[in-house]
Amino acid sequence: MEKKGMVSLWLGNCLNKEELEKYVDLTYDDEGESVPSKFLLDFKIDMNEIDEDFIEKAVLNNPSNDLTKLLNGSSYEEVIVPKNY
Protein backbone atom coordinates (compact mmCIF):
# COMPACT_ATOMS: atom_id res chain seq x y z
CA MET A 1 0.00 0.00 0.00
CA GLU A 2 1.34 3.42 -0.92
CA LYS A 3 0.89 6.47 1.28
CA LYS A 4 2.24 9.90 0.43
CA GLY A 5 5.05 10.97 2.77
CA MET A 6 5.61 7.44 4.11
CA VAL A 7 8.56 5.10 3.78
CA SER A 8 9.07 1.51 4.88
CA LEU A 9 12.34 0.56 6.54
CA TRP A 10 13.40 -3.05 6.84
CA LEU A 11 16.47 -3.82 8.92
CA GLY A 12 18.09 -7.20 9.23
CA ASN A 13 21.33 -9.12 9.41
CA CYS A 14 23.23 -10.37 6.37
CA LEU A 15 26.79 -11.59 6.13
CA ASN A 16 27.57 -9.74 2.89
CA LYS A 17 26.11 -7.89 -0.08
CA GLU A 18 25.72 -11.05 -2.16
CA GLU A 19 23.59 -12.68 0.55
CA LEU A 20 21.43 -9.55 0.80
CA GLU A 21 20.92 -9.35 -2.97
CA LYS A 22 20.04 -13.05 -3.15
CA TYR A 23 17.38 -12.50 -0.47
CA VAL A 24 15.91 -9.22 -1.80
CA ASP A 25 16.38 -9.09 -5.59
CA LEU A 26 13.77 -10.36 -8.02
CA THR A 27 14.79 -13.13 -10.39
CA TYR A 28 13.38 -14.12 -13.76
CA ASP A 29 12.22 -17.46 -15.08
CA ASP A 30 12.98 -18.98 -18.50
CA GLU A 31 10.13 -17.00 -20.06
CA GLY A 32 11.44 -13.71 -18.66
CA GLU A 33 8.70 -13.39 -16.06
CA SER A 34 9.55 -11.90 -12.66
CA VAL A 35 9.81 -14.31 -9.75
CA PRO A 36 9.28 -12.81 -6.28
CA SER A 37 12.26 -12.79 -3.96
CA LYS A 38 12.34 -14.67 -0.66
CA PHE A 39 12.06 -11.26 1.07
CA LEU A 40 8.77 -10.54 -0.70
CA LEU A 41 7.45 -14.00 0.08
CA ASP A 42 8.54 -13.90 3.74
CA PHE A 43 6.74 -10.59 4.33
CA LYS A 44 3.79 -11.34 2.00
CA ILE A 45 4.50 -8.32 -0.21
CA ASP A 46 2.82 -8.32 -3.62
CA MET A 47 5.59 -7.60 -6.11
CA ASN A 48 3.08 -5.74 -8.28
CA GLU A 49 2.73 -3.15 -5.50
CA ILE A 50 6.41 -2.17 -5.40
CA ASP A 51 8.70 -0.36 -7.80
CA GLU A 52 12.02 -2.20 -7.86
CA ASP A 53 13.77 0.99 -9.03
CA PHE A 54 13.17 2.61 -5.63
CA ILE A 55 14.52 -0.20 -3.45
CA GLU A 56 17.72 0.74 -1.62
CA LYS A 57 19.79 -1.79 0.24
CA ALA A 58 23.17 -1.78 1.94
CA VAL A 59 25.36 -3.92 4.15
CA LEU A 60 27.29 -2.19 6.92
CA ASN A 61 30.78 -3.40 7.78
CA ASN A 62 30.28 -2.59 11.46
CA PRO A 63 27.04 -3.59 13.21
CA SER A 64 25.14 -0.73 14.83
CA ASN A 65 21.91 0.09 16.62
CA ASP A 66 22.27 3.79 15.76
CA LEU A 67 19.59 4.77 13.23
CA THR A 68 21.73 7.66 11.97
CA LYS A 69 24.57 5.25 11.13
CA LEU A 70 22.21 2.69 9.62
CA LEU A 71 20.69 5.24 7.23
CA ASN A 72 23.88 7.17 6.47
CA GLY A 73 24.07 7.76 2.72
CA SER A 74 20.52 6.64 1.96
CA SER A 75 18.05 8.78 0.06
CA TYR A 76 16.16 11.24 2.24
CA GLU A 77 18.10 10.29 5.38
CA GLU A 78 17.82 13.88 6.56
CA VAL A 79 14.03 13.65 6.39
CA ILE A 80 13.69 10.17 7.88
CA VAL A 81 15.98 10.70 10.88
CA PRO A 82 14.74 13.44 13.20
CA LYS A 83 17.18 16.33 13.62
CA ASN A 84 17.32 15.88 17.39
CA TYR A 85 18.01 12.13 17.19
PDB file of N, CA and C in Angstrom:
ATOM      1  N   MET A   1       0.851  -1.168   0.000  1.00  0.00           N
ATOM      2  CA  MET A   1       0.000   0.000   0.000  1.00  0.00           C
ATOM      3  C   MET A   1       0.899   1.235   0.000  1.00  0.00           C
ATOM      4  N   GLU A   2       0.561   2.196  -0.801  1.00  0.00           N
ATOM      5  CA  GLU A   2       1.343   3.422  -0.917  1.00  0.00           C
ATOM      6  C   GLU A   2       0.640   4.566  -0.209  1.00  0.00           C
ATOM      7  N   LYS A   3       1.408   5.298   0.597  1.00  0.00           N
ATOM      8  CA  LYS A   3       0.890   6.473   1.277  1.00  0.00           C
ATOM      9  C   LYS A   3       1.879   7.607   1.083  1.00  0.00           C
ATOM     10  N   LYS A   4       1.385   8.750   0.667  1.00  0.00           N
ATOM     11  CA  LYS A   4       2.244   9.899   0.432  1.00  0.00           C
ATOM     12  C   LYS A   4       2.960  10.292   1.735  1.00  0.00           C
ATOM     13  N   GLY A   5       4.257  10.550   1.628  1.00  0.00           N
ATOM     14  CA  GLY A   5       5.046  10.967   2.774  1.00  0.00           C
ATOM     15  C   GLY A   5       5.474   9.839   3.688  1.00  0.00           C
ATOM     16  N   MET A   6       5.262   8.586   3.277  1.00  0.00           N
ATOM     17  CA  MET A   6       5.608   7.435   4.106  1.00  0.00           C
ATOM     18  C   MET A   6       6.712   6.625   3.436  1.00  0.00           C
ATOM     19  N   VAL A   7       7.508   5.985   4.259  1.00  0.00           N
ATOM     20  CA  VAL A   7       8.560   5.101   3.776  1.00  0.00           C
ATOM     21  C   VAL A   7       8.589   3.868   4.676  1.00  0.00           C
ATOM     22  N   SER A   8       8.921   2.738   4.105  1.00  0.00           N
ATOM     23  CA  SER A   8       9.074   1.507   4.884  1.00  0.00           C
ATOM     24  C   SER A   8      10.553   1.208   5.038  1.00  0.00           C
ATOM     25  N   LEU A   9      10.957   0.935   6.259  1.00  0.00           N
ATOM     26  CA  LEU A   9      12.337   0.565   6.539  1.00  0.00           C
ATOM     27  C   LEU A   9      12.367  -0.875   7.018  1.00  0.00           C
ATOM     28  N   TRP A  10      13.243  -1.658   6.448  1.00  0.00           N
ATOM     29  CA  TRP A  10      13.404  -3.048   6.841  1.00  0.00           C
ATOM     30  C   TRP A  10      14.862  -3.234   7.220  1.00  0.00           C
ATOM     31  N   LEU A  11      15.115  -3.609   8.444  1.00  0.00           N
ATOM     32  CA  LEU A  11      16.474  -3.819   8.924  1.00  0.00           C
ATOM     33  C   LEU A  11      16.661  -5.286   9.260  1.00  0.00           C
ATOM     34  N   GLY A  12      17.822  -5.806   8.948  1.00  0.00           N
ATOM     35  CA  GLY A  12      18.091  -7.201   9.229  1.00  0.00           C
ATOM     36  C   GLY A  12      19.581  -7.471   9.264  1.00  0.00           C
ATOM     37  N   ASN A  13      19.934  -8.713   9.363  1.00  0.00           N
ATOM     38  CA  ASN A  13      21.334  -9.121   9.415  1.00  0.00           C
ATOM     39  C   ASN A  13      21.673  -9.989   8.218  1.00  0.00           C
ATOM     40  N   CYS A  14      22.708  -9.583   7.492  1.00  0.00           N
ATOM     41  CA  CYS A  14      23.229 -10.367   6.374  1.00  0.00           C
ATOM     42  C   CYS A  14      24.742 -10.389   6.481  1.00  0.00           C
ATOM     43  N   LEU A  15      25.338 -11.472   6.045  1.00  0.00           N
ATOM     44  CA  LEU A  15      26.788 -11.587   6.133  1.00  0.00           C
ATOM     45  C   LEU A  15      27.511 -10.689   5.132  1.00  0.00           C
ATOM     46  N   ASN A  16      26.903 -10.517   3.936  1.00  0.00           N
ATOM     47  CA  ASN A  16      27.566  -9.742   2.892  1.00  0.00           C
ATOM     48  C   ASN A  16      26.532  -9.277   1.865  1.00  0.00           C
ATOM     49  N   LYS A  17      26.993  -8.470   0.929  1.00  0.00           N
ATOM     50  CA  LYS A  17      26.106  -7.891  -0.082  1.00  0.00           C
ATOM     51  C   LYS A  17      25.481  -8.969  -0.972  1.00  0.00           C
ATOM     52  N   GLU A  18      26.238  -9.983  -1.306  1.00  0.00           N
ATOM     53  CA  GLU A  18      25.718 -11.055  -2.159  1.00  0.00           C
ATOM     54  C   GLU A  18      24.545 -11.772  -1.494  1.00  0.00           C
ATOM     55  N   GLU A  19      24.671 -12.028  -0.195  1.00  0.00           N
ATOM     56  CA  GLU A  19      23.587 -12.675   0.548  1.00  0.00           C
ATOM     57  C   GLU A  19      22.340 -11.789   0.569  1.00  0.00           C
ATOM     58  N   LEU A  20      22.543 -10.496   0.785  1.00  0.00           N
ATOM     59  CA  LEU A  20      21.425  -9.549   0.801  1.00  0.00           C
ATOM     60  C   LEU A  20      20.732  -9.512  -0.555  1.00  0.00           C
ATOM     61  N   GLU A  21      21.507  -9.399  -1.630  1.00  0.00           N
ATOM     62  CA  GLU A  21      20.922  -9.351  -2.974  1.00  0.00           C
ATOM     63  C   GLU A  21      20.168 -10.634  -3.304  1.00  0.00           C
ATOM     64  N   LYS A  22      20.711 -11.768  -2.912  1.00  0.00           N
ATOM     65  CA  LYS A  22      20.039 -13.048  -3.154  1.00  0.00           C
ATOM     66  C   LYS A  22      18.684 -13.085  -2.449  1.00  0.00           C
ATOM     67  N   TYR A  23      18.608 -12.506  -1.258  1.00  0.00           N
ATOM     68  CA  TYR A  23      17.378 -12.498  -0.473  1.00  0.00           C
ATOM     69  C   TYR A  23      16.350 -11.487  -0.993  1.00  0.00           C
ATOM     70  N   VAL A  24      16.811 -10.326  -1.464  1.00  0.00           N
ATOM     71  CA  VAL A  24      15.911  -9.224  -1.800  1.00  0.00           C
ATOM     72  C   VAL A  24      15.589  -9.112  -3.302  1.00  0.00           C
ATOM     73  N   ASP A  25      16.557  -9.357  -4.155  1.00  0.00           N
ATOM     74  CA  ASP A  25      16.376  -9.093  -5.587  1.00  0.00           C
ATOM     75  C   ASP A  25      15.419 -10.071  -6.261  1.00  0.00           C
ATOM     76  N   LEU A  26      14.638  -9.532  -7.197  1.00  0.00           N
ATOM     77  CA  LEU A  26      13.771 -10.364  -8.020  1.00  0.00           C
ATOM     78  C   LEU A  26      14.632 -11.175  -8.974  1.00  0.00           C
ATOM     79  N   THR A  27      14.145 -12.334  -9.346  1.00  0.00           N
ATOM     80  CA  THR A  27      14.794 -13.127 -10.387  1.00  0.00           C
ATOM     81  C   THR A  27      13.791 -13.305 -11.517  1.00  0.00           C
ATOM     82  N   TYR A  28      14.235 -13.936 -12.589  1.00  0.00           N
ATOM     83  CA  TYR A  28      13.376 -14.122 -13.764  1.00  0.00           C
ATOM     84  C   TYR A  28      13.432 -15.573 -14.200  1.00  0.00           C
ATOM     85  N   ASP A  29      12.275 -16.078 -14.623  1.00  0.00           N
ATOM     86  CA  ASP A  29      12.215 -17.460 -15.076  1.00  0.00           C
ATOM     87  C   ASP A  29      12.643 -17.548 -16.538  1.00  0.00           C
ATOM     88  N   ASP A  30      12.550 -18.747 -17.121  1.00  0.00           N
ATOM     89  CA  ASP A  30      12.984 -18.977 -18.501  1.00  0.00           C
ATOM     90  C   ASP A  30      12.185 -18.179 -19.527  1.00  0.00           C
ATOM     91  N   GLU A  31      10.966 -17.793 -19.151  1.00  0.00           N
ATOM     92  CA  GLU A  31      10.126 -17.002 -20.061  1.00  0.00           C
ATOM     93  C   GLU A  31      10.312 -15.494 -19.852  1.00  0.00           C
ATOM     94  N   GLY A  32      11.190 -15.126 -18.930  1.00  0.00           N
ATOM     95  CA  GLY A  32      11.441 -13.713 -18.662  1.00  0.00           C
ATOM     96  C   GLY A  32      10.470 -13.079 -17.686  1.00  0.00           C
ATOM     97  N   GLU A  33       9.652 -13.897 -17.035  1.00  0.00           N
ATOM     98  CA  GLU A  33       8.699 -13.387 -16.058  1.00  0.00           C
ATOM     99  C   GLU A  33       9.371 -13.215 -14.700  1.00  0.00           C
ATOM    100  N   SER A  34       9.001 -12.162 -13.986  1.00  0.00           N
ATOM    101  CA  SER A  34       9.554 -11.895 -12.657  1.00  0.00           C
ATOM    102  C   SER A  34       9.133 -12.975 -11.669  1.00  0.00           C
ATOM    103  N   VAL A  35      10.065 -13.354 -10.835  1.00  0.00           N
ATOM    104  CA  VAL A  35       9.812 -14.309  -9.754  1.00  0.00           C
ATOM    105  C   VAL A  35      10.059 -13.554  -8.447  1.00  0.00           C
ATOM    106  N   PRO A  36       9.088 -13.551  -7.532  1.00  0.00           N
ATOM    107  CA  PRO A  36       9.277 -12.807  -6.283  1.00  0.00           C
ATOM    108  C   PRO A  36      10.459 -13.339  -5.474  1.00  0.00           C
ATOM    109  N   SER A  37      11.128 -12.420  -4.804  1.00  0.00           N
ATOM    110  CA  SER A  37      12.262 -12.795  -3.956  1.00  0.00           C
ATOM    111  C   SER A  37      11.764 -13.447  -2.668  1.00  0.00           C
ATOM    112  N   LYS A  38      12.682 -14.074  -1.959  1.00  0.00           N
ATOM    113  CA  LYS A  38      12.337 -14.667  -0.663  1.00  0.00           C
ATOM    114  C   LYS A  38      11.886 -13.578   0.307  1.00  0.00           C
ATOM    115  N   PHE A  39      12.476 -12.388   0.231  1.00  0.00           N
ATOM    116  CA  PHE A  39      12.064 -11.256   1.066  1.00  0.00           C
ATOM    117  C   PHE A  39      10.589 -10.955   0.850  1.00  0.00           C
ATOM    118  N   LEU A  40      10.176 -10.837  -0.404  1.00  0.00           N
ATOM    119  CA  LEU A  40       8.772 -10.536  -0.700  1.00  0.00           C
ATOM    120  C   LEU A  40       7.854 -11.647  -0.201  1.00  0.00           C
ATOM    121  N   LEU A  41       8.266 -12.873  -0.382  1.00  0.00           N
ATOM    122  CA  LEU A  41       7.450 -14.004   0.077  1.00  0.00           C
ATOM    123  C   LEU A  41       7.372 -14.044   1.599  1.00  0.00           C
ATOM    124  N   ASP A  42       8.507 -13.849   2.270  1.00  0.00           N
ATOM    125  CA  ASP A  42       8.538 -13.900   3.736  1.00  0.00           C
ATOM    126  C   ASP A  42       7.616 -12.861   4.366  1.00  0.00           C
ATOM    127  N   PHE A  43       7.537 -11.673   3.753  1.00  0.00           N
ATOM    128  CA  PHE A  43       6.739 -10.595   4.326  1.00  0.00           C
ATOM    129  C   PHE A  43       5.408 -10.391   3.595  1.00  0.00           C
ATOM    130  N   LYS A  44       5.071 -11.346   2.718  1.00  0.00           N
ATOM    131  CA  LYS A  44       3.786 -11.343   2.002  1.00  0.00           C
ATOM    132  C   LYS A  44       3.545 -10.004   1.295  1.00  0.00           C
ATOM    133  N   ILE A  45       4.573  -9.561   0.557  1.00  0.00           N
ATOM    134  CA  ILE A  45       4.495  -8.325  -0.208  1.00  0.00           C
ATOM    135  C   ILE A  45       4.221  -8.684  -1.662  1.00  0.00           C
ATOM    136  N   ASP A  46       3.164  -8.097  -2.218  1.00  0.00           N
ATOM    137  CA  ASP A  46       2.820  -8.322  -3.618  1.00  0.00           C
ATOM    138  C   ASP A  46       3.815  -7.556  -4.482  1.00  0.00           C
ATOM    139  N   MET A  47       4.566  -8.269  -5.319  1.00  0.00           N
ATOM    140  CA  MET A  47       5.595  -7.604  -6.113  1.00  0.00           C
ATOM    141  C   MET A  47       5.016  -6.621  -7.118  1.00  0.00           C
ATOM    142  N   ASN A  48       3.724  -6.704  -7.382  1.00  0.00           N
ATOM    143  CA  ASN A  48       3.085  -5.738  -8.277  1.00  0.00           C
ATOM    144  C   ASN A  48       2.807  -4.406  -7.580  1.00  0.00           C
ATOM    145  N   GLU A  49       2.976  -4.371  -6.262  1.00  0.00           N
ATOM    146  CA  GLU A  49       2.733  -3.149  -5.497  1.00  0.00           C
ATOM    147  C   GLU A  49       4.016  -2.391  -5.164  1.00  0.00           C
ATOM    148  N   ILE A  50       5.145  -2.862  -5.660  1.00  0.00           N
ATOM    149  CA  ILE A  50       6.406  -2.170  -5.396  1.00  0.00           C
ATOM    150  C   ILE A  50       7.054  -1.763  -6.717  1.00  0.00           C
ATOM    151  N   ASP A  51       7.916  -0.771  -6.642  1.00  0.00           N
ATOM    152  CA  ASP A  51       8.702  -0.363  -7.796  1.00  0.00           C
ATOM    153  C   ASP A  51      10.151  -0.695  -7.476  1.00  0.00           C
ATOM    154  N   GLU A  52      10.670  -1.698  -8.124  1.00  0.00           N
ATOM    155  CA  GLU A  52      12.021  -2.197  -7.855  1.00  0.00           C
ATOM    156  C   GLU A  52      13.088  -1.102  -7.999  1.00  0.00           C
ATOM    157  N   ASP A  53      12.804  -0.098  -8.825  1.00  0.00           N
ATOM    158  CA  ASP A  53      13.772   0.985  -9.033  1.00  0.00           C
ATOM    159  C   ASP A  53      13.985   1.833  -7.786  1.00  0.00           C
ATOM    160  N   PHE A  54      13.066   1.780  -6.826  1.00  0.00           N
ATOM    161  CA  PHE A  54      13.171   2.605  -5.633  1.00  0.00           C
ATOM    162  C   PHE A  54      13.660   1.842  -4.402  1.00  0.00           C
ATOM    163  N   ILE A  55      14.014   0.590  -4.565  1.00  0.00           N
ATOM    164  CA  ILE A  55      14.523  -0.195  -3.447  1.00  0.00           C
ATOM    165  C   ILE A  55      15.991   0.172  -3.228  1.00  0.00           C
ATOM    166  N   GLU A  56      16.326   0.491  -1.992  1.00  0.00           N
ATOM    167  CA  GLU A  56      17.719   0.745  -1.616  1.00  0.00           C
ATOM    168  C   GLU A  56      18.108  -0.293  -0.586  1.00  0.00           C
ATOM    169  N   LYS A  57      19.310  -0.799  -0.723  1.00  0.00           N
ATOM    170  CA  LYS A  57      19.789  -1.787   0.241  1.00  0.00           C
ATOM    171  C   LYS A  57      21.290  -1.605   0.422  1.00  0.00           C
ATOM    172  N   ALA A  58      21.747  -1.921   1.632  1.00  0.00           N
ATOM    173  CA  ALA A  58      23.167  -1.783   1.938  1.00  0.00           C
ATOM    174  C   ALA A  58      23.545  -2.732   3.061  1.00  0.00           C
ATOM    175  N   VAL A  59      24.801  -3.107   3.073  1.00  0.00           N
ATOM    176  CA  VAL A  59      25.359  -3.920   4.149  1.00  0.00           C
ATOM    177  C   VAL A  59      26.421  -3.074   4.836  1.00  0.00           C
ATOM    178  N   LEU A  60      26.306  -2.938   6.146  1.00  0.00           N
ATOM    179  CA  LEU A  60      27.295  -2.187   6.917  1.00  0.00           C
ATOM    180  C   LEU A  60      28.421  -3.115   7.353  1.00  0.00           C
ATOM    181  N   ASN A  61      29.635  -2.592   7.331  1.00  0.00           N
ATOM    182  CA  ASN A  61      30.778  -3.401   7.779  1.00  0.00           C
ATOM    183  C   ASN A  61      30.806  -3.560   9.283  1.00  0.00           C
ATOM    184  N   ASN A  62      30.288  -2.556  10.000  1.00  0.00           N
ATOM    185  CA  ASN A  62      30.280  -2.594  11.459  1.00  0.00           C
ATOM    186  C   ASN A  62      28.842  -2.556  11.959  1.00  0.00           C
ATOM    187  N   PRO A  63      28.407  -3.579  12.681  1.00  0.00           N
ATOM    188  CA  PRO A  63      27.038  -3.586  13.209  1.00  0.00           C
ATOM    189  C   PRO A  63      26.768  -2.361  14.076  1.00  0.00           C
ATOM    190  N   SER A  64      25.513  -1.901  14.050  1.00  0.00           N
ATOM    191  CA  SER A  64      25.145  -0.728  14.834  1.00  0.00           C
ATOM    192  C   SER A  64      23.665  -0.756  15.159  1.00  0.00           C
ATOM    193  N   ASN A  65      23.311  -0.126  16.263  1.00  0.00           N
ATOM    194  CA  ASN A  65      21.908   0.087  16.623  1.00  0.00           C
ATOM    195  C   ASN A  65      21.529   1.550  16.440  1.00  0.00           C
ATOM    196  N   ASP A  66      22.460   2.356  15.934  1.00  0.00           N
ATOM    197  CA  ASP A  66      22.271   3.788  15.759  1.00  0.00           C
ATOM    198  C   ASP A  66      21.594   4.045  14.413  1.00  0.00           C
ATOM    199  N   LEU A  67      20.351   4.531  14.448  1.00  0.00           N
ATOM    200  CA  LEU A  67      19.589   4.770  13.227  1.00  0.00           C
ATOM    201  C   LEU A  67      20.315   5.716  12.277  1.00  0.00           C
ATOM    202  N   THR A  68      20.988   6.719  12.800  1.00  0.00           N
ATOM    203  CA  THR A  68      21.733   7.658  11.966  1.00  0.00           C
ATOM    204  C   THR A  68      22.807   6.925  11.168  1.00  0.00           C
ATOM    205  N   LYS A  69      23.540   6.030  11.817  1.00  0.00           N
ATOM    206  CA  LYS A  69      24.575   5.252  11.125  1.00  0.00           C
ATOM    207  C   LYS A  69      23.959   4.280  10.124  1.00  0.00           C
ATOM    208  N   LEU A  70      22.856   3.665  10.498  1.00  0.00           N
ATOM    209  CA  LEU A  70      22.212   2.695   9.617  1.00  0.00           C
ATOM    210  C   LEU A  70      21.706   3.329   8.331  1.00  0.00           C
ATOM    211  N   LEU A  71      21.256   4.565   8.409  1.00  0.00           N
ATOM    212  CA  LEU A  71      20.693   5.238   7.231  1.00  0.00           C
ATOM    213  C   LEU A  71      21.677   6.180   6.542  1.00  0.00           C
ATOM    214  N   ASN A  72      22.892   6.270   7.043  1.00  0.00           N
ATOM    215  CA  ASN A  72      23.882   7.167   6.466  1.00  0.00           C
ATOM    216  C   ASN A  72      24.084   6.879   4.979  1.00  0.00           C
ATOM    217  N   GLY A  73      23.892   7.895   4.161  1.00  0.00           N
ATOM    218  CA  GLY A  73      24.072   7.759   2.723  1.00  0.00           C
ATOM    219  C   GLY A  73      22.831   7.339   1.961  1.00  0.00           C
ATOM    220  N   SER A  74      21.748   7.036   2.651  1.00  0.00           N
ATOM    221  CA  SER A  74      20.518   6.639   1.956  1.00  0.00           C
ATOM    222  C   SER A  74      19.742   7.874   1.498  1.00  0.00           C
ATOM    223  N   SER A  75      18.889   7.687   0.541  1.00  0.00           N
ATOM    224  CA  SER A  75      18.052   8.779   0.056  1.00  0.00           C
ATOM    225  C   SER A  75      17.157   9.278   1.174  1.00  0.00           C
ATOM    226  N   TYR A  76      17.052  10.576   1.282  1.00  0.00           N
ATOM    227  CA  TYR A  76      16.157  11.243   2.236  1.00  0.00           C
ATOM    228  C   TYR A  76      16.492  10.960   3.692  1.00  0.00           C
ATOM    229  N   GLU A  77      17.728  10.573   3.989  1.00  0.00           N
ATOM    230  CA  GLU A  77      18.095  10.291   5.383  1.00  0.00           C
ATOM    231  C   GLU A  77      17.828  11.491   6.279  1.00  0.00           C
ATOM    232  N   GLU A  78      18.010  12.684   5.753  1.00  0.00           N
ATOM    233  CA  GLU A  78      17.821  13.883   6.563  1.00  0.00           C
ATOM    234  C   GLU A  78      16.341  14.129   6.891  1.00  0.00           C
ATOM    235  N   VAL A  79      15.451  13.531   6.134  1.00  0.00           N
ATOM    236  CA  VAL A  79      14.025  13.650   6.387  1.00  0.00           C
ATOM    237  C   VAL A  79      13.539  12.513   7.310  1.00  0.00           C
ATOM    238  N   ILE A  80      14.117  11.343   7.126  1.00  0.00           N
ATOM    239  CA  ILE A  80      13.690  10.171   7.884  1.00  0.00           C
ATOM    240  C   ILE A  80      14.164  10.233   9.329  1.00  0.00           C
ATOM    241  N   VAL A  81      15.424  10.626   9.535  1.00  0.00           N
ATOM    242  CA  VAL A  81      15.981  10.699  10.880  1.00  0.00           C
ATOM    243  C   VAL A  81      15.718  12.082  11.458  1.00  0.00           C
ATOM    244  N   PRO A  82      15.016  12.142  12.582  1.00  0.00           N
ATOM    245  CA  PRO A  82      14.736  13.443  13.197  1.00  0.00           C
ATOM    246  C   PRO A  82      16.027  14.191  13.518  1.00  0.00           C
ATOM    247  N   LYS A  83      15.994  15.512  13.392  1.00  0.00           N
ATOM    248  CA  LYS A  83      17.175  16.331  13.625  1.00  0.00           C
ATOM    249  C   LYS A  83      17.718  16.202  15.031  1.00  0.00           C
ATOM    250  N   ASN A  84      16.866  15.966  16.010  1.00  0.00           N
ATOM    251  CA  ASN A  84      17.321  15.880  17.393  1.00  0.00           C
ATOM    252  C   ASN A  84      17.645  14.445  17.819  1.00  0.00           C
ATOM    253  N   TYR A  85      17.742  13.537  16.867  1.00  0.00           N
ATOM    254  CA  TYR A  85      18.014  12.134  17.190  1.00  0.00           C
ATOM    255  C   TYR A  85      19.451  11.979  17.609  1.00  0.00           C
TER     256      TYR A  85
END
